């Protein structure tokens, strides 16, 4: 009985050739000329932005809500750093989410119709902008291995903590690899929990098999990474992800086994199926 499918596993591990969602504000420490790992595989060309919020004092600006939206000139802004008030004396301090919304990446603030900011009113804002560093001048990117390295002659201090935005590429596996992972995952779940094939389309076992398939894919990715990564850093990250998926697979199976073992104490006298399941499940739970 197939519990999971190739499509379900792909959703967990990213389909070949696809990009992940942008990873906003990932922290990294750049020391000397040592590289910092951003992702366990390739990152998309041109997608990396390195920045830091090191400005000592906030930037202050005045603006008028000619429309419902104003824009801070120093975008991108450090998340959570903005204060918006009615005047420079902080007469009325407006509340983010109640009186206005903000996009910290673009610096765009929009007045909420249900808030207390009057249409057409003036406002004062204070915020910390990010300092943006230059690729090739302040840092370099190893796109094939998902790493960023400080350039000694650039503006980034050794040991400085920075934030990095980037897009990661999906592992480039063929459908045959995903098919084999799905087959192995289904066979292992069946052997451990459902040897008689009695459950059919069970959501708990589907979840367990899907996570198990994702674990298998990440394990294959770790092996592939050893070919191109002499230091084994990428392989270690893939193995950590594989173990995490395996743990996620075990949780729903253990939850299901505890229910089945409890029910089997009542049903074992009338049918042989629970006794068979109980033996297998107790073996799995140790």
Protein backbone atom coordinates (compact mmCIF):
# COMPACT_ATOMS: atom_id res chain seq x y z
CA UNK A 1 0.00 0.00 0.00
CA UNK A 2 1.64 3.33 -1.03
CA UNK A 3 1.29 5.77 1.86
CA UNK A 4 3.30 8.61 0.33
CA UNK A 5 3.99 9.80 -3.21
CA UNK A 6 6.80 11.46 -5.13
CA UNK A 7 4.89 14.77 -5.18
CA UNK A 8 4.46 14.77 -1.39
CA UNK A 9 8.16 14.13 -0.85
CA UNK A 10 9.11 16.83 -3.36
CA UNK A 11 7.05 19.36 -1.40
CA UNK A 12 9.22 18.67 1.64
CA UNK A 13 12.58 18.72 -0.15
CA UNK A 14 12.03 21.20 -3.05
CA UNK A 15 11.46 19.89 -6.56
CA UNK A 16 14.49 19.75 -8.89
CA UNK A 17 15.31 23.09 -10.49
CA UNK A 18 13.09 25.08 -8.12
CA UNK A 19 14.22 27.74 -5.69
CA UNK A 20 13.37 27.95 -2.06
CA UNK A 21 11.59 30.99 -0.62
CA UNK A 22 13.96 33.88 0.14
CA UNK A 23 15.69 33.35 3.48
CA UNK A 24 15.46 36.77 5.11
CA UNK A 25 17.91 37.97 7.78
CA UNK A 26 19.95 34.81 8.20
CA UNK A 27 22.74 35.63 10.65
CA UNK A 28 26.39 34.85 9.90
CA UNK A 29 29.71 35.79 11.53
CA UNK A 30 32.45 36.63 9.03
CA UNK A 31 35.88 36.16 10.56
CA UNK A 32 39.13 36.69 8.68
CA UNK A 33 38.79 35.03 5.30
CA UNK A 34 36.93 31.97 6.58
CA UNK A 35 33.71 31.20 4.73
CA UNK A 36 30.31 31.09 6.43
CA UNK A 37 27.77 28.46 5.38
CA UNK A 38 24.45 29.84 4.12
CA UNK A 39 22.82 26.71 2.68
CA UNK A 40 23.65 23.00 2.34
CA UNK A 41 23.69 23.23 -1.47
CA UNK A 42 23.78 25.74 -4.32
CA UNK A 43 22.42 29.26 -3.97
CA UNK A 44 20.85 31.22 -6.81
CA UNK A 45 23.19 33.49 -8.74
CA UNK A 46 22.80 37.14 -7.77
CA UNK A 47 20.41 36.44 -4.90
CA UNK A 48 22.77 37.23 -2.01
CA UNK A 49 22.57 40.50 -0.07
CA UNK A 50 24.89 41.02 2.91
CA UNK A 51 23.97 43.77 5.37
CA UNK A 52 24.33 44.89 8.99
CA UNK A 53 22.55 47.21 11.37
CA UNK A 54 25.60 48.89 12.88
CA UNK A 55 24.52 52.55 12.80
CA UNK A 56 24.98 54.09 16.25
CA UNK A 57 22.02 56.50 16.22
CA UNK A 58 18.66 56.21 14.46
CA UNK A 59 17.88 58.07 11.27
CA UNK A 60 15.14 60.73 11.75
CA UNK A 61 12.80 61.86 8.97
CA UNK A 62 9.60 63.84 8.54
CA UNK A 63 6.91 62.80 6.06
CA UNK A 64 3.32 63.60 5.12
CA UNK A 65 0.58 61.10 4.34
CA UNK A 66 -0.40 62.75 1.05
CA UNK A 67 -1.69 59.30 0.20
CA UNK A 68 -2.08 56.47 2.69
CA UNK A 69 1.56 55.47 2.19
CA UNK A 70 4.91 57.07 3.00
CA UNK A 71 8.38 55.61 2.46
CA UNK A 72 11.49 55.76 4.64
CA UNK A 73 14.46 56.78 2.52
CA UNK A 74 16.97 54.43 4.15
CA UNK A 75 15.46 51.06 3.22
CA UNK A 76 15.99 48.28 3.94
CA UNK A 77 15.29 48.85 7.62
CA UNK A 78 16.28 46.74 10.62
CA UNK A 79 13.08 44.88 11.61
CA UNK A 80 11.45 46.30 14.73
CA UNK A 81 13.61 49.43 14.78
CA UNK A 82 11.04 51.98 13.53
CA UNK A 83 9.15 54.47 15.70
CA UNK A 84 6.38 56.57 14.11
CA UNK A 85 4.94 59.59 15.90
CA UNK A 86 2.76 62.60 15.20
CA UNK A 87 5.62 65.10 15.68
CA UNK A 88 9.29 65.38 16.62
CA UNK A 89 8.32 65.66 20.31
CA UNK A 90 6.63 62.23 20.24
CA UNK A 91 3.26 63.81 20.96
CA UNK A 92 1.38 60.68 19.80
CA UNK A 93 3.31 57.49 19.21
CA UNK A 94 1.58 55.29 16.65
CA UNK A 95 1.37 51.52 16.99
CA UNK A 96 2.63 49.17 14.28
CA UNK A 97 -0.08 46.76 13.23
CA UNK A 98 -2.84 48.94 14.70
CA UNK A 99 -2.23 52.38 13.22
CA UNK A 100 0.04 51.42 10.33
CA UNK A 101 1.74 48.51 8.61
CA UNK A 102 5.33 48.48 7.38
CA UNK A 103 7.45 46.59 4.88
CA UNK A 104 10.94 46.69 6.39
CA UNK A 105 12.52 45.57 3.14
CA UNK A 106 11.16 48.47 1.07
CA UNK A 107 10.63 50.99 3.90
CA UNK A 108 6.97 51.48 2.90
CA UNK A 109 4.54 52.48 5.68
CA UNK A 110 0.81 52.38 5.09
CA UNK A 111 -1.74 54.14 7.28
CA UNK A 112 -4.44 51.83 8.65
CA UNK A 113 -7.96 53.22 7.98
CA UNK A 114 -9.09 52.01 11.41
CA UNK A 115 -6.09 53.58 13.20
CA UNK A 116 -5.61 57.03 14.72
CA UNK A 117 -3.35 58.56 12.04
CA UNK A 118 -5.41 61.31 10.33
CA UNK A 119 -5.51 61.31 6.51
CA UNK A 120 -3.10 63.88 5.06
CA UNK A 121 -1.31 64.40 8.39
CA UNK A 122 2.40 64.92 8.97
CA UNK A 123 4.45 62.38 10.88
CA UNK A 124 7.98 61.85 12.15
CA UNK A 125 9.82 58.55 11.98
CA UNK A 126 12.98 57.17 13.51
CA UNK A 127 14.62 53.94 12.40
CA UNK A 128 17.88 52.07 11.98
CA UNK A 129 18.75 51.33 8.34
CA UNK A 130 20.80 48.39 7.23
CA UNK A 131 24.26 49.05 5.81
CA UNK A 132 24.47 47.20 2.50
CA UNK A 133 27.78 45.64 1.50
CA UNK A 134 29.04 45.13 -2.05
CA UNK A 135 29.61 41.73 -3.64
CA UNK A 136 33.16 41.49 -4.93
CA UNK A 137 34.30 44.44 -2.79
CA UNK A 138 33.27 43.56 0.76
CA UNK A 139 32.50 39.85 0.37
CA UNK A 140 32.56 37.01 -2.14
CA UNK A 141 30.00 34.27 -2.74
CA UNK A 142 30.65 30.60 -3.47
CA UNK A 143 27.34 29.86 -5.15
CA UNK A 144 28.08 26.19 -5.84
CA UNK A 145 28.64 25.40 -2.16
CA UNK A 146 26.33 27.97 -0.53
CA UNK A 147 28.99 30.03 1.24
CA UNK A 148 29.95 33.67 1.72
CA UNK A 149 33.44 34.97 2.59
CA UNK A 150 34.60 38.35 3.89
CA UNK A 151 37.11 40.24 1.74
CA UNK A 152 39.86 41.59 4.01
CA UNK A 153 40.16 44.94 2.20
CA UNK A 154 36.42 45.60 2.34
CA UNK A 155 34.20 47.34 4.88
CA UNK A 156 33.17 44.27 6.90
CA UNK A 157 35.19 43.94 10.10
CA UNK A 158 36.68 40.59 10.97
CA UNK A 159 34.37 38.84 13.44
CA UNK A 160 31.44 41.07 12.52
CA UNK A 161 27.93 39.65 12.64
CA UNK A 162 25.97 40.32 9.47
CA UNK A 163 22.59 39.34 8.09
CA UNK A 164 22.29 37.68 4.70
CA UNK A 165 19.36 37.36 2.31
CA UNK A 166 19.59 34.67 -0.37
CA UNK A 167 17.70 32.03 -2.35
CA UNK A 168 18.73 28.39 -2.19
CA UNK A 169 18.47 26.05 -5.13
CA UNK A 170 16.76 22.69 -4.78
CA UNK A 171 18.85 19.52 -4.96
CA UNK A 172 18.92 18.42 -8.59
CA UNK A 173 17.59 14.87 -8.32
CA UNK A 174 15.80 13.00 -11.07
CA UNK A 175 12.31 11.56 -10.73
CA UNK A 176 13.90 8.10 -10.57
CA UNK A 177 15.63 9.07 -7.32
CA UNK A 178 12.38 10.37 -5.83
CA UNK A 179 10.55 7.23 -6.99
CA UNK A 180 13.10 5.02 -5.25
CA UNK A 181 12.86 7.14 -2.08
CA UNK A 182 9.05 6.87 -2.07
CA UNK A 183 9.22 3.11 -2.64
CA UNK A 184 11.71 2.60 0.18
CA UNK A 185 9.73 4.82 2.57
CA UNK A 186 6.47 2.99 1.84
CA UNK A 187 8.11 -0.41 2.28
CA UNK A 188 9.69 0.54 5.60
CA UNK A 189 6.48 1.98 7.04
CA UNK A 190 4.54 -1.09 5.93
CA UNK A 191 7.09 -3.45 7.48
CA UNK A 192 7.12 -1.60 10.79
CA UNK A 193 3.47 -0.66 11.26
CA UNK A 194 1.21 -2.19 8.63
CA UNK A 195 2.59 -5.56 7.45
CA UNK A 196 -0.87 -6.88 6.57
CA UNK A 197 -1.80 -3.75 4.58
CA UNK A 198 -4.95 -3.14 6.60
CA UNK A 199 -4.78 0.61 7.08
CA UNK A 200 -5.12 1.82 3.49
CA UNK A 201 -5.11 5.61 3.08
CA UNK A 202 -4.10 6.58 6.61
CA UNK A 203 -3.12 10.23 7.11
CA UNK A 204 -0.76 9.46 10.01
CA UNK A 205 1.13 6.84 8.02
CA UNK A 206 1.14 9.13 4.98
CA UNK A 207 2.83 11.82 7.08
CA UNK A 208 5.34 9.35 8.51
CA UNK A 209 6.20 7.91 5.08
CA UNK A 210 6.55 11.38 3.54
CA UNK A 211 9.00 12.51 6.23
CA UNK A 212 10.87 9.23 5.88
CA UNK A 213 11.11 9.74 2.10
CA UNK A 214 12.43 13.27 2.66
CA UNK A 215 15.02 11.83 5.07
CA UNK A 216 16.15 9.40 2.38
CA UNK A 217 16.48 12.21 -0.19
CA UNK A 218 18.60 14.29 2.23
CA UNK A 219 20.76 11.25 2.96
CA UNK A 220 21.38 10.86 -0.80
CA UNK A 221 22.17 14.59 -1.01
CA UNK A 222 24.76 14.16 1.75
CA UNK A 223 26.46 11.41 -0.23
CA UNK A 224 26.44 13.56 -3.38
CA UNK A 225 27.87 16.53 -1.47
CA UNK A 226 30.94 14.52 -0.47
CA UNK A 227 31.96 14.37 -4.13
CA UNK A 228 32.24 18.18 -4.49
CA UNK A 229 32.85 19.21 -0.87
CA UNK A 230 36.25 18.08 0.35
CA UNK A 231 35.69 19.47 3.86
CA UNK A 232 32.34 17.73 4.27
CA UNK A 233 30.47 20.82 5.52
CA UNK A 234 27.59 20.49 3.07
CA UNK A 235 27.37 16.76 3.70
CA UNK A 236 27.07 17.36 7.44
CA UNK A 237 24.22 19.82 6.93
CA UNK A 238 22.35 17.38 4.70
CA UNK A 239 22.84 14.60 7.26
CA UNK A 240 21.49 16.83 10.04
CA UNK A 241 18.42 17.55 7.90
CA UNK A 242 18.03 13.83 7.16
CA UNK A 243 18.07 13.01 10.87
CA UNK A 244 15.51 15.72 11.57
CA UNK A 245 13.13 14.28 8.97
CA UNK A 246 13.67 10.77 10.36
CA UNK A 247 12.75 12.01 13.83
CA UNK A 248 9.64 13.68 12.41
CA UNK A 249 8.72 10.37 10.77
CA UNK A 250 9.02 8.45 14.02
CA UNK A 251 6.74 10.78 16.00
CA UNK A 252 3.45 10.03 14.15
CA UNK A 253 4.26 6.32 14.04
CA UNK A 254 4.85 6.23 17.79
CA UNK A 255 1.61 8.15 18.34
CA UNK A 256 -0.25 5.61 16.22
CA UNK A 257 1.41 2.62 17.85
CA UNK A 258 0.43 3.74 21.34
CA UNK A 259 -3.23 3.85 20.27
CA UNK A 260 -3.04 0.48 18.55
CA UNK A 261 -1.33 -1.21 21.47
CA UNK A 262 -4.01 0.12 23.81
CA UNK A 263 -6.81 -1.09 21.54
CA UNK A 264 -5.19 -4.47 21.02
CA UNK A 265 -5.67 -5.40 24.69
CA UNK A 266 -9.43 -5.36 24.04
CA UNK A 267 -9.48 -6.75 20.49
CA UNK A 268 -6.82 -9.45 20.61
CA UNK A 269 -9.28 -12.09 21.82
CA UNK A 270 -11.52 -11.66 18.75
CA UNK A 271 -9.08 -11.14 15.84
CA UNK A 272 -5.49 -11.98 15.05
CA UNK A 273 -4.67 -8.65 13.32
CA UNK A 274 -4.08 -6.56 16.47
CA UNK A 275 -1.78 -9.25 17.90
CA UNK A 276 0.38 -9.10 14.76
CA UNK A 277 0.42 -5.29 14.84
CA UNK A 278 1.22 -5.24 18.54
CA UNK A 279 4.27 -7.44 18.05
CA UNK A 280 5.62 -5.24 15.29
CA UNK A 281 4.85 -2.00 17.07
CA UNK A 282 6.43 -3.07 20.33
CA UNK A 283 9.56 -4.01 18.42
CA UNK A 284 9.63 -0.54 16.81
CA UNK A 285 9.15 1.20 20.20
CA UNK A 286 11.79 -0.92 21.83
